[in-house]
């Protein structure tokens, strides 16, 4: 009698088959044509990324999704469970879109309930935003110019700020008070860990072991970065070892490797968004063509981009009771960095 092979065994067998790689000591490889080329090594990782074109950036295949929006794809290979990884990248010009945050809970207000499937039909782009604690977004939250939650405190946490003028900037948590004082904030949320500090610097905590952050944990990753020209870059990884059905498995890169991806794609600052089972992303072109990568877990907060000509100010879609439960409450400390 033939015994069935379980999923863990299948994954182990797939990972045991070495990917075809160039003869190098690199930890990260990218598919170029029919082969693999190394482009980053933990032993010789740059302290900072200067925005110059890299092998990874040149290997991404880009497709236009309307004015100011592009979708890029590449195949990566990393050690262990990251051996077969798809890289999904979106480049978005915030000057051509109206950015907003959407929040959602289940009708009984006990579980997060936002997903890319809740994005309006007018959305050209949607992605899960920030991190969360229980049913609420973690940390600082500004909705439509109104501060809904105060800033949280945690290692390598940062804030994503959408100004009244549509500009987007990433700032360390310590700079939130000065940002509040300047005003002009339409939307804002916190997330962690910071992947790239100002000027493309990789945080020391992501370069040195025993810094209190797990530098070896592998997971599906999602990051948001800002390019030199002000465009936003979103990068998400998907496990490719089991084909399309296995892409939602939380296997992939480490945080240092994800920082390298963001730097190699030209970002000057970058922060991680909730990855793992939460990572999800949608792009839609003006003709209605949609590409979507769903997550296995709904979240409380999403970031939406609508073309300037068609966007409307979204309502706060937290139920009144849910909003009153989280408004003004001191956030819990963030989950451990993995």
Protein backbone atom coordinates (compact mmCIF):
# COMPACT_ATOMS: atom_id res chain seq x y z
CA UNK A 1 0.00 0.00 0.00
CA UNK A 2 1.34 3.44 -0.95
CA UNK A 3 1.51 5.87 1.96
CA UNK A 4 0.37 9.46 1.49
CA UNK A 5 3.07 12.08 1.84
CA UNK A 6 2.18 14.87 4.27
CA UNK A 7 2.71 18.57 3.63
CA UNK A 8 5.73 18.89 5.98
CA UNK A 9 7.46 16.07 4.12
CA UNK A 10 6.71 17.64 0.73
CA UNK A 11 8.09 21.00 1.89
CA UNK A 12 11.23 19.31 3.27
CA UNK A 13 11.80 17.47 0.00
CA UNK A 14 11.38 20.64 -2.03
CA UNK A 15 13.78 22.57 0.14
CA UNK A 16 16.32 19.78 0.00
CA UNK A 17 16.64 20.19 -3.77
CA UNK A 18 19.29 22.88 -4.31
CA UNK A 19 18.44 25.72 -6.65
CA UNK A 20 20.78 26.24 -9.60
CA UNK A 21 23.04 29.07 -8.47
CA UNK A 22 26.12 30.80 -9.72
CA UNK A 23 29.38 29.88 -8.05
CA UNK A 24 29.41 32.50 -5.32
CA UNK A 25 29.18 32.86 -1.57
CA UNK A 26 26.06 35.03 -1.74
CA UNK A 27 23.06 34.37 0.49
CA UNK A 28 20.52 36.00 -1.83
CA UNK A 29 20.24 35.12 -5.52
CA UNK A 30 17.93 36.39 -8.23
CA UNK A 31 16.86 34.56 -11.37
CA UNK A 32 18.35 36.09 -14.50
CA UNK A 33 17.26 34.26 -17.62
CA UNK A 34 17.69 30.55 -17.00
CA UNK A 35 20.21 30.93 -14.17
CA UNK A 36 20.68 32.32 -10.68
CA UNK A 37 23.05 35.18 -9.84
CA UNK A 38 24.13 36.15 -6.32
CA UNK A 39 23.69 39.76 -5.28
CA UNK A 40 23.88 39.98 -1.45
CA UNK A 41 25.82 38.28 1.32
CA UNK A 42 25.32 38.64 5.06
CA UNK A 43 29.09 38.46 5.51
CA UNK A 44 29.66 41.48 3.28
CA UNK A 45 26.39 43.34 3.69
CA UNK A 46 26.51 47.09 3.04
CA UNK A 47 26.01 49.41 5.98
CA UNK A 48 23.99 51.71 3.74
CA UNK A 49 22.39 51.65 0.30
CA UNK A 50 23.06 54.68 -1.90
CA UNK A 51 20.25 54.27 -4.43
CA UNK A 52 22.47 53.28 -7.36
CA UNK A 53 21.06 50.60 -9.73
CA UNK A 54 21.68 47.05 -8.56
CA UNK A 55 21.45 43.60 -10.10
CA UNK A 56 18.19 42.96 -8.25
CA UNK A 57 16.61 46.17 -9.54
CA UNK A 58 17.57 45.30 -13.11
CA UNK A 59 16.17 41.76 -12.75
CA UNK A 60 12.63 42.91 -11.87
CA UNK A 61 10.17 42.64 -14.76
CA UNK A 62 7.86 45.67 -14.71
CA UNK A 63 4.35 46.10 -16.11
CA UNK A 64 2.43 49.43 -16.17
CA UNK A 65 -0.87 49.56 -14.29
CA UNK A 66 -1.91 53.05 -15.27
CA UNK A 67 -0.30 56.47 -14.73
CA UNK A 68 1.91 56.44 -11.66
CA UNK A 69 1.58 52.72 -10.86
CA UNK A 70 3.78 49.78 -11.87
CA UNK A 71 3.84 46.13 -10.87
CA UNK A 72 7.14 44.23 -10.82
CA UNK A 73 7.96 40.54 -10.36
CA UNK A 74 11.18 38.64 -9.73
CA UNK A 75 12.28 35.24 -8.44
CA UNK A 76 14.60 35.10 -5.42
CA UNK A 77 16.48 32.30 -3.72
CA UNK A 78 17.63 32.48 -0.10
CA UNK A 79 18.94 29.87 2.35
CA UNK A 80 16.61 27.29 3.87
CA UNK A 81 12.89 27.96 3.58
CA UNK A 82 13.56 30.99 1.42
CA UNK A 83 15.03 28.90 -1.38
CA UNK A 84 12.04 29.51 -3.64
CA UNK A 85 10.65 33.00 -3.16
CA UNK A 86 8.58 35.21 -5.44
CA UNK A 87 9.14 38.95 -5.10
CA UNK A 88 6.12 41.17 -5.82
CA UNK A 89 6.89 44.88 -6.10
CA UNK A 90 4.62 47.88 -6.65
CA UNK A 91 5.89 51.39 -7.41
CA UNK A 92 3.36 54.15 -6.79
CA UNK A 93 3.59 57.90 -7.31
CA UNK A 94 1.54 59.46 -4.46
CA UNK A 95 1.18 62.69 -6.47
CA UNK A 96 -1.18 60.86 -8.83
CA UNK A 97 -3.28 59.18 -6.15
CA UNK A 98 -5.29 59.96 -3.07
CA UNK A 99 -4.07 57.78 -0.21
CA UNK A 100 -6.32 56.81 2.67
CA UNK A 101 -6.56 54.33 5.52
CA UNK A 102 -9.48 51.97 6.03
CA UNK A 103 -10.29 50.12 9.24
CA UNK A 104 -12.69 47.26 9.82
CA UNK A 105 -13.84 44.86 12.52
CA UNK A 106 -16.31 41.99 12.34
CA UNK A 107 -19.94 42.90 13.22
CA UNK A 108 -19.45 41.64 16.77
CA UNK A 109 -16.35 43.89 17.03
CA UNK A 110 -14.09 41.11 18.27
CA UNK A 111 -11.91 40.35 15.23
CA UNK A 112 -10.09 42.38 12.57
CA UNK A 113 -11.97 42.20 9.28
CA UNK A 114 -10.11 44.23 6.63
CA UNK A 115 -8.70 42.52 3.55
CA UNK A 116 -7.88 43.59 0.02
CA UNK A 117 -11.27 42.21 -1.01
CA UNK A 118 -12.83 45.14 0.92
CA UNK A 119 -10.98 47.70 -1.21
CA UNK A 120 -13.41 49.84 -3.24
CA UNK A 121 -13.74 49.29 -6.97
CA UNK A 122 -12.08 52.67 -7.52
CA UNK A 123 -8.88 51.54 -5.76
CA UNK A 124 -5.86 51.18 -8.02
CA UNK A 125 -3.82 49.77 -5.15
CA UNK A 126 -4.47 48.30 -1.70
CA UNK A 127 -2.27 46.68 0.93
CA UNK A 128 -2.49 45.80 4.61
CA UNK A 129 -0.93 48.53 6.74
CA UNK A 130 1.06 48.64 9.97
CA UNK A 131 0.97 46.00 12.69
CA UNK A 132 -1.83 45.19 15.11
CA UNK A 133 -2.38 44.38 18.74
CA UNK A 134 -5.51 42.36 19.45
CA UNK A 135 -8.33 43.82 17.36
CA UNK A 136 -6.82 47.28 16.95
CA UNK A 137 -4.01 48.74 14.84
CA UNK A 138 -0.84 48.98 16.90
CA UNK A 139 0.45 52.41 17.85
CA UNK A 140 -0.17 55.84 16.41
CA UNK A 141 -3.20 56.21 14.14
CA UNK A 142 -4.44 59.38 12.43
CA UNK A 143 -7.60 59.11 10.32
CA UNK A 144 -8.81 62.02 8.21
CA UNK A 145 -6.75 64.50 10.26
CA UNK A 146 -8.02 63.14 13.59
CA UNK A 147 -5.70 61.32 16.00
CA UNK A 148 -7.47 58.10 16.92
CA UNK A 149 -4.66 56.40 18.85
CA UNK A 150 -1.55 57.79 20.55
CA UNK A 151 1.94 56.73 19.52
CA UNK A 152 3.26 53.36 20.67
CA UNK A 153 6.80 52.69 21.87
CA UNK A 154 8.97 49.86 20.68
CA UNK A 155 12.39 49.03 19.20
CA UNK A 156 12.90 50.08 15.57
CA UNK A 157 9.33 51.35 15.28
CA UNK A 158 8.56 54.14 12.86
CA UNK A 159 5.64 56.11 11.45
CA UNK A 160 4.25 56.49 7.95
CA UNK A 161 2.78 59.97 7.51
CA UNK A 162 0.50 61.07 4.66
CA UNK A 163 0.36 64.86 4.56
CA UNK A 164 -2.52 67.09 3.58
CA UNK A 165 -0.56 67.80 0.39
CA UNK A 166 -0.43 64.09 -0.47
CA UNK A 167 3.25 63.67 0.31
CA UNK A 168 4.39 60.58 2.22
CA UNK A 169 7.30 60.35 4.60
CA UNK A 170 8.69 57.80 7.05
CA UNK A 171 9.94 59.07 10.40
CA UNK A 172 11.34 57.36 13.52
CA UNK A 173 8.98 57.12 16.48
CA UNK A 174 11.08 59.70 18.32
CA UNK A 175 10.19 62.32 15.69
CA UNK A 176 6.41 61.88 16.01
CA UNK A 177 6.05 64.77 18.55
CA UNK A 178 7.69 67.25 16.16
CA UNK A 179 5.58 65.93 13.28
CA UNK A 180 2.46 66.46 15.38
CA UNK A 181 3.56 70.01 16.19
CA UNK A 182 4.07 70.88 12.52
CA UNK A 183 0.58 69.59 11.69
CA UNK A 184 -0.70 69.02 8.17
CA UNK A 185 -1.17 65.27 8.77
CA UNK A 186 -4.08 63.62 7.01
CA UNK A 187 -3.32 59.98 7.78
CA UNK A 188 -0.62 58.25 9.79
CA UNK A 189 0.17 54.86 11.26
CA UNK A 190 3.06 53.14 13.00
CA UNK A 191 4.83 49.91 12.13
CA UNK A 192 8.04 47.97 12.82
CA UNK A 193 10.81 47.09 12.38
CA UNK A 194 12.51 49.90 10.50
CA UNK A 195 14.39 48.29 7.62
CA UNK A 196 16.25 51.36 6.34
CA UNK A 197 16.92 54.59 8.22
CA UNK A 198 17.34 57.99 6.57
CA UNK A 199 19.93 57.88 3.83
CA UNK A 200 19.50 54.17 3.21
CA UNK A 201 21.32 53.10 6.39
CA UNK A 202 20.64 49.60 7.67
CA UNK A 203 19.84 49.79 11.42
CA UNK A 204 22.62 48.49 13.64
CA UNK A 205 20.16 46.08 15.27
CA UNK A 206 19.68 44.37 11.88
CA UNK A 207 23.44 44.06 11.32
CA UNK A 208 24.66 42.79 14.66
CA UNK A 209 23.63 39.54 16.37
CA UNK A 210 22.54 39.47 19.99
CA UNK A 211 20.85 42.85 19.61
CA UNK A 212 17.53 41.58 20.95
CA UNK A 213 16.07 40.99 17.47
CA UNK A 214 15.82 37.57 15.84
CA UNK A 215 17.91 37.93 12.68
CA UNK A 216 17.40 34.36 11.48
CA UNK A 217 13.61 33.88 11.56
CA UNK A 218 12.17 33.34 8.07
CA UNK A 219 8.70 34.50 7.12
CA UNK A 220 6.64 36.03 4.34
CA UNK A 221 7.66 39.70 4.30
CA UNK A 222 6.07 42.99 3.34
CA UNK A 223 7.83 46.34 3.28
CA UNK A 224 7.09 49.97 2.42
CA UNK A 225 9.87 52.27 1.26
CA UNK A 226 10.33 55.75 -0.17
CA UNK A 227 12.48 56.30 -3.28
CA UNK A 228 14.65 59.35 -3.98
CA UNK A 229 12.02 60.84 -6.29
CA UNK A 230 9.24 60.55 -3.67
CA UNK A 231 7.57 57.48 -5.14
CA UNK A 232 6.51 54.69 -2.79
CA UNK A 233 7.79 51.14 -3.21
CA UNK A 234 5.96 48.15 -1.72
CA UNK A 235 7.72 44.78 -1.75
CA UNK A 236 6.12 41.49 -0.73
CA UNK A 237 7.55 37.98 -0.75
CA UNK A 238 5.67 34.75 -1.46
CA UNK A 239 6.80 31.14 -0.98
CA UNK A 240 7.05 29.36 -4.34
CA UNK A 241 8.00 25.81 -3.31
CA UNK A 242 4.49 24.38 -3.72
CA UNK A 243 3.20 26.48 -6.60
CA UNK A 244 0.31 28.92 -6.35
CA UNK A 245 -1.54 27.11 -3.49
CA UNK A 246 1.55 27.31 -1.27
CA UNK A 247 2.20 31.02 -1.77
CA UNK A 248 0.31 31.94 1.39
CA UNK A 249 2.62 29.86 3.61
CA UNK A 250 4.63 32.06 6.01
CA UNK A 251 8.05 31.09 4.61
CA UNK A 252 10.61 33.39 3.04
CA UNK A 253 13.22 35.93 4.05
CA UNK A 254 14.74 37.24 7.27
CA UNK A 255 14.46 40.88 8.34
CA UNK A 256 18.11 41.63 7.33
CA UNK A 257 17.43 40.06 3.92
CA UNK A 258 14.26 42.13 3.52
CA UNK A 259 16.23 45.27 4.38
CA UNK A 260 18.64 44.30 1.59
CA UNK A 261 15.75 43.88 -0.85
CA UNK A 262 14.40 47.36 -0.06
CA UNK A 263 17.84 48.94 -0.34
CA UNK A 264 18.69 47.14 -3.56
CA UNK A 265 15.41 48.36 -5.09
CA UNK A 266 16.44 51.96 -4.43
CA UNK A 267 14.64 52.86 -1.19
CA UNK A 268 16.17 55.55 1.02
CA UNK A 269 13.93 54.77 4.00
CA UNK A 270 11.82 51.67 4.60
CA UNK A 271 9.72 49.98 7.27
CA UNK A 272 8.22 46.50 7.51
CA UNK A 273 4.47 46.05 7.47
CA UNK A 274 2.71 43.02 8.92
CA UNK A 275 3.86 40.00 6.93
CA UNK A 276 3.30 36.29 7.50
CA UNK A 277 -0.35 35.30 7.18
CA UNK A 278 -1.44 38.96 7.00
CA UNK A 279 0.49 40.08 3.89
CA UNK A 280 -1.84 40.95 0.99
CA UNK A 281 -1.70 43.29 -1.98
CA UNK A 282 -3.92 44.36 -4.88
CA UNK A 283 -3.24 46.36 -8.05
CA UNK A 284 -5.84 47.42 -10.64
CA UNK A 285 -5.34 49.22 -13.94
CA UNK A 286 -7.80 51.75 -15.44
CA UNK A 287 -9.31 49.04 -17.67
CA UNK A 288 -10.18 46.95 -14.61
CA UNK A 289 -7.44 44.33 -14.86
CA UNK A 290 -6.68 43.15 -11.33
CA UNK A 291 -3.78 41.24 -9.80
CA UNK A 292 -4.31 40.23 -6.19
CA UNK A 293 -2.33 38.33 -3.59
CA UNK A 294 -4.55 37.51 -0.62
CA UNK A 295 -3.53 36.74 2.95
CA UNK A 296 -4.85 34.02 5.23
CA UNK A 297 -5.65 36.49 8.00
CA UNK A 298 -7.79 39.62 8.01
CA UNK A 299 -6.29 42.73 9.62
CA UNK A 300 -7.71 45.90 11.18
CA UNK A 301 -6.04 48.42 8.85
CA UNK A 302 -5.52 48.81 5.10
CA UNK A 303 -3.84 51.44 2.93
CA UNK A 304 -5.72 52.36 -0.26
CA UNK A 305 -4.70 54.43 -3.29
CA UNK A 306 -7.37 55.85 -5.60
CA UNK A 307 -6.70 57.94 -8.73
CA UNK A 308 -7.01 61.63 -7.97
CA UNK A 309 -9.82 62.15 -10.47
CA UNK A 310 -12.12 59.51 -8.96
CA UNK A 311 -11.27 59.28 -5.27
CA UNK A 312 -13.59 60.32 -2.49
CA UNK A 313 -12.82 60.89 1.17
CA UNK A 314 -13.59 57.53 2.82
CA UNK A 315 -15.60 57.43 6.03
CA UNK A 316 -14.18 55.98 9.21
CA UNK A 317 -15.56 52.50 8.85
CA UNK A 318 -14.80 51.40 12.37
CA UNK A 319 -18.18 50.79 14.06
CA UNK A 320 -18.81 53.52 16.63
CA UNK A 321 -18.48 51.13 19.53
CA UNK A 322 -15.22 49.69 18.25
CA UNK A 323 -13.72 53.12 17.68
CA UNK A 324 -14.60 54.24 21.19
CA UNK A 325 -12.96 51.11 22.58
CA UNK A 326 -9.59 51.87 20.99
CA UNK A 327 -9.56 55.65 20.84
CA UNK A 328 -7.03 57.23 23.16
CA UNK A 329 -6.02 53.95 24.78
CA UNK A 330 -2.32 53.46 25.37
CA UNK A 331 -1.14 50.82 22.89
CA UNK A 332 0.34 47.59 24.16
CA UNK A 333 3.98 46.93 23.41
CA UNK A 334 4.66 45.51 19.96
CA UNK A 335 5.03 41.82 19.34
CA UNK A 336 8.61 40.51 19.49
CA UNK A 337 10.53 41.22 16.32
CA UNK A 338 10.96 38.09 14.22
